[in-house]
């Protein structure tokens, strides 16, 4: 029997990811999943800022997986 994932579980997982990234100095703006292909692994795009706590500078980045 296939177990279903509840929306609250997904939100909790993303909230935990956000907390971990914040500790590492990243500010995550958004995550986008592109499922154009019929593959099991979607194209994932992360939009984020890397914050340097020493100089209070920030760099914007967009990373593809």
N, C-alpha and C. Protein backbone atom coordinates (compact mmCIF):
# COMPACT_ATOMS: atom_id res chain seq x y z
N UNK A 1 0.84 -1.18 0.00
CA UNK A 1 0.00 0.00 0.00
C UNK A 1 0.89 1.25 0.00
N UNK A 2 0.56 2.19 -0.87
CA UNK A 2 1.35 3.42 -0.98
C UNK A 2 0.92 4.41 0.10
N UNK A 3 1.89 4.94 0.82
CA UNK A 3 1.61 5.90 1.89
C UNK A 3 1.51 7.30 1.28
N UNK A 4 0.49 8.06 1.64
CA UNK A 4 0.36 9.42 1.11
C UNK A 4 1.04 10.41 2.04
N UNK A 5 1.61 11.44 1.46
CA UNK A 5 2.27 12.50 2.22
C UNK A 5 1.29 13.65 2.36
N UNK A 6 1.13 14.11 3.56
CA UNK A 6 0.21 15.20 3.83
C UNK A 6 0.89 16.55 3.57
N UNK A 7 0.12 17.55 3.17
CA UNK A 7 0.66 18.88 2.88
C UNK A 7 1.39 19.46 4.08
N UNK A 8 0.91 19.21 5.28
CA UNK A 8 1.57 19.73 6.48
C UNK A 8 2.97 19.13 6.66
N UNK A 9 3.15 17.87 6.27
CA UNK A 9 4.46 17.23 6.35
C UNK A 9 5.44 17.89 5.37
N UNK A 10 4.95 18.23 4.20
CA UNK A 10 5.79 18.90 3.20
C UNK A 10 6.17 20.28 3.70
N UNK A 11 5.22 21.01 4.26
CA UNK A 11 5.50 22.33 4.81
C UNK A 11 6.54 22.25 5.93
N UNK A 12 6.42 21.24 6.79
CA UNK A 12 7.38 21.06 7.88
C UNK A 12 8.78 20.77 7.34
N UNK A 13 8.86 19.96 6.30
CA UNK A 13 10.15 19.65 5.68
C UNK A 13 10.79 20.92 5.10
N UNK A 14 10.01 21.72 4.39
CA UNK A 14 10.53 22.96 3.80
C UNK A 14 10.90 23.98 4.88
N UNK A 15 10.14 24.03 5.98
CA UNK A 15 10.47 24.92 7.09
C UNK A 15 11.80 24.52 7.73
N UNK A 16 12.02 23.22 7.87
CA UNK A 16 13.29 22.74 8.43
C UNK A 16 14.45 23.09 7.50
N UNK A 17 14.24 22.95 6.19
CA UNK A 17 15.27 23.33 5.22
C UNK A 17 15.59 24.81 5.33
N UNK A 18 14.56 25.64 5.43
CA UNK A 18 14.76 27.09 5.56
C UNK A 18 15.56 27.43 6.82
N UNK A 19 15.25 26.80 7.93
CA UNK A 19 15.99 27.06 9.18
C UNK A 19 17.46 26.67 9.02
N UNK A 20 17.72 25.53 8.40
CA UNK A 20 19.10 25.07 8.24
C UNK A 20 19.88 26.00 7.31
N UNK A 21 19.27 26.42 6.22
CA UNK A 21 19.94 27.33 5.29
C UNK A 21 20.21 28.68 5.94
N UNK A 22 19.28 29.16 6.74
CA UNK A 22 19.47 30.43 7.44
C UNK A 22 20.67 30.35 8.37
N UNK A 23 20.82 29.23 9.08
CA UNK A 23 21.98 29.04 9.96
C UNK A 23 23.28 29.06 9.18
N UNK A 24 23.25 28.60 7.93
CA UNK A 24 24.44 28.54 7.08
C UNK A 24 24.69 29.83 6.31
N UNK A 25 23.81 30.83 6.48
CA UNK A 25 24.01 32.12 5.85
C UNK A 25 23.33 32.30 4.51
N UNK A 26 22.31 31.51 4.23
CA UNK A 26 21.58 31.62 2.98
C UNK A 26 20.14 32.05 3.27
N UNK A 27 19.63 32.96 2.43
CA UNK A 27 18.23 33.39 2.52
C UNK A 27 17.53 32.86 1.28
N UNK A 28 16.71 31.85 1.47
CA UNK A 28 16.02 31.19 0.36
C UNK A 28 14.78 31.99 -0.03
N UNK A 29 14.74 32.42 -1.30
CA UNK A 29 13.59 33.18 -1.79
C UNK A 29 12.49 32.25 -2.27
N UNK A 30 12.85 31.29 -3.12
CA UNK A 30 11.84 30.35 -3.61
C UNK A 30 12.49 29.11 -4.18
N UNK A 31 11.68 28.07 -4.30
CA UNK A 31 12.08 26.80 -4.89
C UNK A 31 11.08 26.49 -5.99
N UNK A 32 11.58 26.16 -7.17
CA UNK A 32 10.69 25.87 -8.29
C UNK A 32 11.01 24.49 -8.85
N UNK A 33 9.99 23.68 -9.05
CA UNK A 33 10.12 22.35 -9.63
C UNK A 33 9.58 22.40 -11.05
N UNK A 34 10.36 21.94 -12.00
CA UNK A 34 9.92 21.89 -13.40
C UNK A 34 9.78 20.42 -13.78
N UNK A 35 8.58 20.01 -14.08
CA UNK A 35 8.30 18.61 -14.39
C UNK A 35 7.90 18.43 -15.85
N UNK A 36 8.58 19.13 -16.75
CA UNK A 36 8.28 19.02 -18.18
C UNK A 36 8.52 17.62 -18.71
N UNK A 37 9.59 17.03 -18.31
CA UNK A 37 9.98 15.71 -18.82
C UNK A 37 9.23 14.62 -18.08
N UNK A 38 9.20 13.46 -18.67
CA UNK A 38 8.58 12.29 -18.01
C UNK A 38 9.63 11.51 -17.21
N UNK A 39 10.45 12.22 -16.45
CA UNK A 39 11.48 11.57 -15.65
C UNK A 39 11.07 11.58 -14.19
N UNK A 40 11.72 10.75 -13.42
CA UNK A 40 11.42 10.69 -11.99
C UNK A 40 12.03 11.85 -11.21
N UNK A 41 13.08 12.48 -11.74
CA UNK A 41 13.69 13.59 -11.02
C UNK A 41 13.44 14.90 -11.77
N UNK A 42 12.70 15.80 -11.14
CA UNK A 42 12.38 17.07 -11.77
C UNK A 42 13.59 18.01 -11.77
N UNK A 43 13.53 19.01 -12.62
CA UNK A 43 14.54 20.07 -12.64
C UNK A 43 14.18 21.01 -11.48
N UNK A 44 15.11 21.24 -10.55
CA UNK A 44 14.85 22.05 -9.36
C UNK A 44 15.68 23.32 -9.44
N UNK A 45 15.03 24.47 -9.28
CA UNK A 45 15.69 25.77 -9.32
C UNK A 45 15.54 26.42 -7.95
N UNK A 46 16.66 26.83 -7.35
CA UNK A 46 16.65 27.53 -6.07
C UNK A 46 17.04 28.98 -6.30
N UNK A 47 16.26 29.90 -5.78
CA UNK A 47 16.60 31.31 -5.83
C UNK A 47 16.92 31.73 -4.39
N UNK A 48 18.14 32.27 -4.19
CA UNK A 48 18.57 32.57 -2.82
C UNK A 48 19.57 33.71 -2.80
N UNK A 49 19.82 34.24 -1.60
CA UNK A 49 20.88 35.20 -1.33
C UNK A 49 21.84 34.56 -0.35
N UNK A 50 23.11 34.77 -0.59
CA UNK A 50 24.11 34.33 0.37
C UNK A 50 24.52 35.54 1.18
N UNK A 51 24.32 35.47 2.47
CA UNK A 51 24.60 36.61 3.34
C UNK A 51 25.90 36.41 4.08
N UNK A 52 26.73 37.43 4.02
CA UNK A 52 28.01 37.43 4.72
C UNK A 52 27.83 38.20 6.01
N UNK A 53 27.83 37.51 7.13
CA UNK A 53 27.55 38.16 8.41
C UNK A 53 28.66 39.11 8.85
N UNK A 54 29.91 38.90 8.37
CA UNK A 54 31.02 39.76 8.78
C UNK A 54 30.92 41.16 8.17
N UNK A 55 30.61 41.22 6.88
CA UNK A 55 30.59 42.52 6.21
C UNK A 55 29.19 43.00 5.91
N UNK A 56 28.17 42.20 6.26
CA UNK A 56 26.77 42.53 6.03
C UNK A 56 26.46 42.72 4.55
N UNK A 57 27.23 42.04 3.68
CA UNK A 57 26.98 42.08 2.24
C UNK A 57 26.12 40.89 1.89
N UNK A 58 25.39 41.01 0.77
CA UNK A 58 24.62 39.88 0.29
C UNK A 58 24.77 39.76 -1.21
N UNK A 59 24.81 38.53 -1.70
CA UNK A 59 24.90 38.23 -3.12
C UNK A 59 23.67 37.44 -3.51
N UNK A 60 23.03 37.84 -4.64
CA UNK A 60 21.89 37.10 -5.13
C UNK A 60 22.36 36.03 -6.08
N UNK A 61 21.78 34.85 -5.99
CA UNK A 61 22.14 33.73 -6.85
C UNK A 61 20.89 32.97 -7.23
N UNK A 62 21.01 32.25 -8.34
CA UNK A 62 19.98 31.30 -8.71
C UNK A 62 20.71 30.03 -9.10
N UNK A 63 20.42 28.95 -8.41
CA UNK A 63 21.14 27.70 -8.64
C UNK A 63 20.19 26.65 -9.20
N UNK A 64 20.68 25.91 -10.16
CA UNK A 64 19.92 24.81 -10.75
C UNK A 64 20.46 23.50 -10.22
N UNK A 65 19.57 22.56 -10.02
CA UNK A 65 20.00 21.21 -9.69
C UNK A 65 19.70 20.34 -10.88
